[in-house]
Amino acid sequence: MARKYNFNPGPAVLPLSVLETAQTALVDFEGTGLGILETSHRAKEFTAVLEQAKTRMRSILGIPDSHEIAFFQGGANFQFTLIPMNILPSGGRAEYVDTGTWSTRAIDAARLVGEVAVIASTKEEKYSRVPRTDEMKWSHDAAFAHITSNNTIYGTQFQAFPDTGTVPLVCDMSSDFFSRKVDVSRFGVIYAGAQKNLGPAGVTLVIIRKDLLDRSPENLPPMMSYKKFVAKNSVYNTPPVFSIYVVNLVLGWIEQQGGLEAIEKTNDQKAAALYGLIDSDPDFFRGTVKPESRSKMNVTFRLPSEDLEKECIAKATEDGLVGIKGHRSVGGIRASIYNSMSLEGVEKLVEFLKNYRKAH
């Protein structure tokens, strides 16, 4: 079978070696005579997978002992609600930065729970950049401060994280988690759906500072309580066994690549190749994001007409370069170049786009 180059924004490309290992495990997991899809979440074999995944996460990302790791279901959208339910005290105020669709959803969900202040937004600029440091006026008495690190739809990314002082910084890293080195100690909470850089859909990772667990109200349902969920080591209910298994495989793959330093270097090369092409002919390729806010995960641009874009997307698909259609809300072209997208795949896309430009 000829593998295609998968530029879809999520669920996204996974390493071939991971898929092949998981394929075998579907029939026989760790020599147990049972497939991973049949394996109990209480079995010692899965407990070992869960613990290994947590250990690998701590090692690769440098997660300090001050933070806990938990695996949830429900995607980042569920966390939009759980965050304020758990760490926004009654009478408290949360501060959010609006950088697009996902931060807007997070804001709307939080407002159902308590007071929310939007302290910066680039909506009037069609989210073509993230706010500058001097535009984000954080308070000193907020319960927490929230940002979305990377915006899949608009193709923007925080290249540096804001300093919120003693206010816990909460970050939705769904689309750039484990794509670069991050100082976890600066964050109160990091959460991310796995289906971009770390695994299949179905599991969401949460890293939370231990002291914030004490904010969880006692009357929260257990499935919604960070404190109670962490206390049960993410198995209060049946967790997404297969998704966590694949996450562990991907973490192992990251280790084999040389860790985040090597991953980040390759991601920089991939982004430079695509943006270099876009910048080489601004009359044909029009980038939609200000250079200082460009995402290294989701590269968005337009062609001179929608007809050319439709044709380009169709021809790319015929050539085995799939998933470059822009989000339905903004149109255009978007290439998602997550960790598992090879440099070779990006070079193939660049070569295709060069030839397409030449033909038109």
Protein backbone atom coordinates (compact mmCIF):
# COMPACT_ATOMS: atom_id res chain seq x y z
CA MET A 1 0.00 0.00 0.00
CA ALA A 2 1.29 3.44 -0.91
CA ARG A 3 1.12 5.72 2.13
CA LYS A 4 -0.11 9.26 1.49
CA TYR A 5 1.21 12.44 3.10
CA ASN A 6 -1.36 13.45 5.69
CA PHE A 7 -1.65 17.20 6.32
CA ASN A 8 -5.00 16.97 8.11
CA PRO A 9 -5.40 19.18 11.20
CA GLY A 10 -6.61 16.40 13.45
CA PRO A 11 -7.02 13.55 13.88
CA ALA A 12 -3.61 13.88 12.33
CA VAL A 13 -0.64 11.95 11.00
CA LEU A 14 1.00 9.36 13.27
CA PRO A 15 4.43 7.73 12.92
CA LEU A 16 4.28 4.65 10.71
CA SER A 17 6.25 2.61 13.25
CA VAL A 18 3.63 3.45 15.89
CA LEU A 19 0.79 2.39 13.61
CA GLU A 20 2.52 -0.89 12.82
CA THR A 21 3.16 -1.67 16.50
CA ALA A 22 -0.45 -0.82 17.36
CA GLN A 23 -1.62 -2.99 14.47
CA THR A 24 0.08 -6.00 16.02
CA ALA A 25 -1.24 -5.15 19.47
CA LEU A 26 -4.81 -5.13 18.16
CA VAL A 27 -4.52 -8.91 17.91
CA ASP A 28 -1.97 -9.74 20.62
CA PHE A 29 -0.96 -7.19 23.25
CA GLU A 30 2.31 -7.96 25.04
CA GLY A 31 1.95 -11.69 24.42
CA THR A 32 -1.21 -11.86 26.50
CA GLY A 33 -3.26 -13.56 23.80
CA LEU A 34 -5.68 -10.63 23.98
CA GLY A 35 -5.85 -7.55 21.79
CA ILE A 36 -5.25 -4.12 23.32
CA LEU A 37 -8.89 -3.27 22.59
CA GLU A 38 -9.90 -6.21 24.79
CA THR A 39 -7.49 -5.51 27.65
CA SER A 40 -8.87 -4.50 31.03
CA HIS A 41 -7.92 -1.09 32.35
CA ARG A 42 -7.24 -2.89 35.65
CA ALA A 43 -4.83 -5.38 34.09
CA LYS A 44 -1.21 -5.11 35.18
CA GLU A 45 -0.16 -4.81 31.52
CA PHE A 46 -2.21 -1.66 31.01
CA THR A 47 -1.19 -0.24 34.39
CA ALA A 48 2.40 -0.56 33.19
CA VAL A 49 1.52 1.33 29.99
CA LEU A 50 -0.15 4.13 31.95
CA GLU A 51 2.80 4.52 34.32
CA GLN A 52 5.33 4.38 31.50
CA ALA A 53 3.44 7.09 29.61
CA LYS A 54 3.50 9.35 32.65
CA THR A 55 7.19 8.68 33.24
CA ARG A 56 8.01 9.41 29.62
CA MET A 57 6.00 12.63 29.71
CA ARG A 58 7.86 13.83 32.79
CA SER A 59 11.22 13.01 31.25
CA ILE A 60 10.61 14.42 27.76
CA LEU A 61 8.83 17.61 28.80
CA GLY A 62 10.65 18.12 32.10
CA ILE A 63 7.49 18.06 34.22
CA PRO A 64 8.44 18.87 37.83
CA ASP A 65 7.20 16.98 40.90
CA SER A 66 5.04 20.02 41.69
CA HIS A 67 2.65 18.97 38.90
CA GLU A 68 0.34 15.98 38.41
CA ILE A 69 -0.52 14.26 35.11
CA ALA A 70 -4.02 13.03 34.29
CA PHE A 71 -5.71 11.47 31.28
CA PHE A 72 -9.29 12.59 30.56
CA GLN A 73 -11.91 11.99 27.90
CA GLY A 74 -14.10 14.58 26.22
CA GLY A 75 -11.44 16.56 24.37
CA ALA A 76 -10.28 20.08 25.07
CA ASN A 77 -13.89 21.23 24.81
CA PHE A 78 -14.66 19.36 28.05
CA GLN A 79 -11.70 21.05 29.71
CA PHE A 80 -13.13 24.46 28.74
CA THR A 81 -15.78 23.75 31.36
CA LEU A 82 -13.73 21.75 33.86
CA ILE A 83 -11.08 24.46 34.21
CA PRO A 84 -13.41 27.12 35.70
CA MET A 85 -15.45 24.52 37.60
CA ASN A 86 -12.29 23.39 39.39
CA ILE A 87 -10.06 26.44 39.81
CA LEU A 88 -12.35 29.49 39.57
CA PRO A 89 -13.56 30.10 43.14
CA SER A 90 -16.98 31.56 43.84
CA GLY A 91 -16.68 35.33 43.51
CA GLY A 92 -13.37 35.02 41.65
CA ARG A 93 -12.53 36.26 38.17
CA ALA A 94 -10.70 34.55 35.32
CA GLU A 95 -8.86 36.42 32.56
CA TYR A 96 -8.73 35.15 28.98
CA VAL A 97 -6.96 36.13 25.76
CA ASP A 98 -9.13 35.76 22.64
CA THR A 99 -7.13 34.48 19.67
CA GLY A 100 -9.78 32.60 17.71
CA THR A 101 -12.43 29.92 17.67
CA TRP A 102 -11.08 27.68 20.44
CA SER A 103 -10.32 30.46 22.87
CA THR A 104 -13.79 31.87 22.15
CA ARG A 105 -15.33 28.51 23.06
CA ALA A 106 -13.28 28.42 26.23
CA ILE A 107 -14.47 31.92 27.14
CA ASP A 108 -18.12 31.08 26.49
CA ALA A 109 -17.89 27.93 28.61
CA ALA A 110 -16.18 29.75 31.50
CA ARG A 111 -18.84 32.46 31.52
CA LEU A 112 -21.42 29.82 32.37
CA VAL A 113 -19.46 29.12 35.55
CA GLY A 114 -18.24 32.50 36.78
CA GLU A 115 -16.89 35.95 35.98
CA VAL A 116 -14.63 36.22 32.94
CA ALA A 117 -12.68 39.19 31.60
CA VAL A 118 -11.28 39.18 28.06
CA ILE A 119 -8.11 41.22 28.50
CA ALA A 120 -6.92 41.10 24.87
CA SER A 121 -8.31 40.10 21.49
CA THR A 122 -7.30 40.24 17.84
CA LYS A 123 -10.78 39.54 16.51
CA GLU A 124 -10.95 42.89 14.68
CA GLU A 125 -7.85 41.85 12.74
CA LYS A 126 -9.45 38.53 11.77
CA TYR A 127 -7.12 36.78 14.22
CA SER A 128 -4.14 37.34 11.94
CA ARG A 129 -1.81 37.58 14.94
CA VAL A 130 -1.67 36.94 18.67
CA PRO A 131 -1.66 39.94 21.04
CA ARG A 132 1.66 41.51 21.92
CA THR A 133 2.95 41.41 25.48
CA ASP A 134 2.11 45.09 26.01
CA GLU A 135 -1.49 44.48 24.90
CA MET A 136 -2.19 41.85 27.55
CA LYS A 137 -3.01 43.72 30.76
CA TRP A 138 -3.11 41.01 33.40
CA SER A 139 -4.45 41.68 36.88
CA HIS A 140 -2.71 40.57 40.06
CA ASP A 141 -5.85 39.24 41.72
CA ALA A 142 -7.34 36.99 39.01
CA ALA A 143 -8.00 33.34 39.84
CA PHE A 144 -6.18 32.29 36.69
CA ALA A 145 -5.07 33.56 33.27
CA HIS A 146 -5.92 31.57 30.13
CA ILE A 147 -4.35 31.45 26.66
CA THR A 148 -4.49 29.14 23.65
CA SER A 149 -0.90 28.54 22.56
CA ASN A 150 -1.58 27.60 18.93
CA ASN A 151 -4.62 28.25 16.78
CA THR A 152 -5.27 25.55 14.20
CA ILE A 153 -7.88 27.45 12.21
CA TYR A 154 -6.10 30.80 11.82
CA GLY A 155 -2.51 29.53 11.87
CA THR A 156 -1.19 31.66 14.73
CA GLN A 157 0.99 30.71 17.68
CA PHE A 158 2.48 32.30 20.76
CA GLN A 159 6.24 32.23 20.18
CA ALA A 160 6.76 33.25 23.81
CA PHE A 161 4.42 32.79 26.74
CA PRO A 162 3.20 35.78 28.77
CA ASP A 163 4.36 36.46 32.29
CA THR A 164 1.31 36.45 34.57
CA GLY A 165 3.23 36.83 37.81
CA THR A 166 1.67 34.93 40.69
CA VAL A 167 -1.56 34.32 38.79
CA PRO A 168 -1.64 30.68 37.52
CA LEU A 169 -1.26 30.53 33.75
CA VAL A 170 -3.63 28.03 32.12
CA CYS A 171 -2.90 27.00 28.54
CA ASP A 172 -4.73 25.01 25.90
CA MET A 173 -1.81 23.39 24.02
CA SER A 174 -3.90 20.99 21.99
CA SER A 175 -2.19 21.67 18.67
CA ASP A 176 1.43 22.27 19.68
CA PHE A 177 1.85 20.08 22.76
CA PHE A 178 5.23 18.28 22.72
CA SER A 179 6.31 20.17 19.59
CA ARG A 180 8.84 22.34 21.43
CA LYS A 181 10.53 22.76 24.77
CA VAL A 182 8.34 24.36 27.44
CA ASP A 183 9.05 25.40 31.02
CA VAL A 184 6.17 23.56 32.67
CA SER A 185 6.88 25.20 36.04
CA ARG A 186 5.54 28.48 34.62
CA PHE A 187 2.06 26.99 34.16
CA GLY A 188 -0.73 26.23 36.58
CA VAL A 189 -2.50 23.98 34.06
CA ILE A 190 -1.62 22.67 30.62
CA TYR A 191 -4.23 20.68 28.72
CA ALA A 192 -4.31 19.19 25.26
CA GLY A 193 -6.27 16.84 23.06
CA ALA A 194 -3.88 14.12 21.91
CA GLN A 195 -5.07 13.95 18.30
CA LYS A 196 -2.61 16.47 16.89
CA ASN A 197 0.87 15.52 18.08
CA LEU A 198 0.52 12.66 20.55
CA GLY A 199 -1.99 10.04 19.48
CA PRO A 200 -5.52 9.32 18.29
CA ALA A 201 -8.69 11.09 19.27
CA GLY A 202 -10.26 9.97 22.52
CA VAL A 203 -7.85 11.09 25.22
CA THR A 204 -6.96 14.50 26.62
CA LEU A 205 -3.88 15.15 28.71
CA VAL A 206 -3.91 17.49 31.69
CA ILE A 207 -0.87 18.68 33.64
CA ILE A 208 -1.90 20.53 36.78
CA ARG A 209 0.02 22.11 39.64
CA LYS A 210 -0.71 20.16 42.81
CA ASP A 211 -1.75 23.13 44.92
CA LEU A 212 -4.52 23.97 42.45
CA LEU A 213 -6.16 20.60 43.11
CA ASP A 214 -7.24 21.94 46.48
CA ARG A 215 -9.49 24.45 44.72
CA SER A 216 -11.77 21.69 43.41
CA PRO A 217 -15.09 22.06 45.24
CA GLU A 218 -16.11 19.00 47.22
CA ASN A 219 -19.58 19.02 45.67
CA LEU A 220 -18.30 18.51 42.12
CA PRO A 221 -19.26 15.19 40.53
CA PRO A 222 -16.21 12.90 40.72
CA MET A 223 -15.81 12.74 36.95
CA MET A 224 -15.55 16.53 36.89
CA SER A 225 -13.26 16.93 39.88
CA TYR A 226 -9.56 17.26 39.13
CA LYS A 227 -8.76 16.39 42.73
CA LYS A 228 -10.77 13.19 42.77
CA PHE A 229 -9.79 12.16 39.25
CA VAL A 230 -6.08 12.60 39.94
CA ALA A 231 -6.45 10.71 43.21
CA LYS A 232 -7.74 7.73 41.21
CA ASN A 233 -4.77 7.89 38.80
CA SER A 234 -7.06 8.64 35.82
CA VAL A 235 -8.98 5.37 36.24
CA TYR A 236 -11.98 6.52 38.23
CA ASN A 237 -13.91 5.12 35.28
CA THR A 238 -12.76 3.02 32.32
CA PRO A 239 -10.21 5.23 30.54
CA PRO A 240 -9.61 5.21 26.76
CA VAL A 241 -7.19 2.28 26.96
CA PHE A 242 -6.24 2.15 23.28
CA SER A 243 -5.73 5.92 22.95
CA ILE A 244 -3.45 5.99 26.01
CA TYR A 245 -1.55 2.99 24.65
CA VAL A 246 -0.88 4.82 21.38
CA VAL A 247 0.13 8.00 23.25
CA ASN A 248 2.73 5.92 25.07
CA LEU A 249 4.03 4.58 21.75
CA VAL A 250 4.30 8.11 20.33
CA LEU A 251 6.19 9.25 23.42
CA GLY A 252 8.60 6.38 22.84
CA TRP A 253 8.96 7.50 19.23
CA ILE A 254 9.79 11.05 20.39
CA GLU A 255 12.52 9.59 22.59
CA GLN A 256 13.91 7.70 19.61
CA GLN A 257 14.02 10.91 17.55
CA GLY A 258 16.24 12.52 20.19
CA GLY A 259 13.62 14.19 22.39
CA LEU A 260 12.07 17.62 22.08
CA GLU A 261 15.32 19.29 21.03
CA ALA A 262 15.44 17.17 17.87
CA ILE A 263 11.67 17.40 17.33
CA GLU A 264 11.74 21.19 17.60
CA LYS A 265 14.67 21.46 15.19
CA THR A 266 12.84 19.43 12.56
CA ASN A 267 9.64 21.41 13.11
CA ASP A 268 11.59 24.64 12.55
CA GLN A 269 12.97 23.25 9.29
CA LYS A 270 9.55 22.22 8.05
CA ALA A 271 8.00 25.59 8.87
CA ALA A 272 10.91 27.46 7.28
CA ALA A 273 10.51 25.50 4.05
CA LEU A 274 6.81 26.29 3.70
CA TYR A 275 6.96 29.91 4.80
CA GLY A 276 10.01 30.42 2.60
CA LEU A 277 7.96 29.39 -0.40
CA ILE A 278 5.05 31.63 0.61
CA ASP A 279 7.34 34.63 1.06
CA SER A 280 9.12 33.97 -2.25
CA ASP A 281 6.08 35.00 -4.31
CA PRO A 282 3.58 37.15 -2.35
CA ASP A 283 1.66 37.81 -5.57
CA PHE A 284 0.70 34.14 -5.82
CA PHE A 285 0.91 32.96 -2.19
CA ARG A 286 -0.66 35.27 0.38
CA GLY A 287 0.09 34.35 3.96
CA THR A 288 -2.80 35.04 6.32
CA VAL A 289 -0.73 35.55 9.49
CA LYS A 290 1.64 38.29 10.59
CA PRO A 291 5.19 36.85 10.49
CA GLU A 292 5.80 37.26 14.22
CA SER A 293 2.73 35.13 15.01
CA ARG A 294 3.14 32.37 12.45
CA SER A 295 2.35 28.87 13.63
CA LYS A 296 4.90 26.13 13.13
CA MET A 297 2.11 23.59 13.25
CA ASN A 298 -0.59 24.98 10.93
CA VAL A 299 0.57 26.98 7.91
CA THR A 300 -2.28 28.98 6.36
CA PHE A 301 -2.29 30.92 3.09
CA ARG A 302 -4.42 31.96 0.14
CA LEU A 303 -3.98 31.82 -3.63
CA PRO A 304 -5.09 34.56 -6.06
CA SER A 305 -8.61 33.11 -6.37
CA GLU A 306 -10.88 30.55 -4.75
CA ASP A 307 -11.03 28.64 -8.03
CA LEU A 308 -7.27 28.23 -8.00
CA GLU A 309 -7.43 27.10 -4.38
CA LYS A 310 -10.04 24.45 -5.13
CA GLU A 311 -8.05 23.17 -8.08
CA CYS A 312 -4.82 23.18 -6.08
CA ILE A 313 -6.40 21.18 -3.25
CA ALA A 314 -7.86 18.66 -5.69
CA LYS A 315 -4.59 18.17 -7.58
CA ALA A 316 -2.63 17.86 -4.35
CA THR A 317 -5.02 15.12 -3.22
CA GLU A 318 -4.50 13.31 -6.52
CA ASP A 319 -0.74 13.49 -5.87
CA GLY A 320 -1.10 11.92 -2.43
CA LEU A 321 -0.86 15.19 -0.47
CA VAL A 322 -4.11 15.09 1.49
CA GLY A 323 -5.82 17.39 3.98
CA ILE A 324 -4.63 20.84 2.85
CA LYS A 325 -8.07 22.41 2.59
CA GLY A 326 -8.47 25.39 4.94
CA HIS A 327 -11.05 25.34 7.72
CA ARG A 328 -14.58 25.85 6.44
CA SER A 329 -14.93 29.09 8.43
CA VAL A 330 -11.97 30.82 6.77
CA GLY A 331 -11.28 29.00 3.52
CA GLY A 332 -7.93 29.02 1.77
CA ILE A 333 -5.22 26.41 2.21
CA ARG A 334 -3.81 25.00 5.43
CA ALA A 335 -0.97 22.53 5.82
CA SER A 336 -0.79 21.00 9.28
CA ILE A 337 2.79 19.87 9.85
CA TYR A 338 2.71 18.24 13.26
CA ASN A 339 5.58 16.25 14.75
CA SER A 340 4.84 13.08 12.80
CA MET A 341 4.82 14.83 9.42
CA SER A 342 8.25 14.17 7.97
CA LEU A 343 10.53 16.80 6.47
CA GLU A 344 10.33 14.77 3.28
CA GLY A 345 6.55 15.19 3.25
CA VAL A 346 6.83 18.96 3.60
CA GLU A 347 9.44 19.08 0.84
CA LYS A 348 7.07 17.11 -1.40
CA LEU A 349 4.34 19.67 -0.71
CA VAL A 350 6.70 22.58 -1.38
CA GLU A 351 7.73 21.03 -4.69
CA PHE A 352 4.09 20.47 -5.66
CA LEU A 353 3.20 24.09 -4.84
CA LYS A 354 6.17 25.37 -6.84
CA ASN A 355 5.05 23.39 -9.86
CA TYR A 356 1.45 24.52 -9.39
CA ARG A 357 2.54 28.15 -9.29
CA LYS A 358 4.68 27.63 -12.42
CA ALA A 359 1.72 26.10 -14.28
CA HIS A 360 -0.47 29.11 -13.45
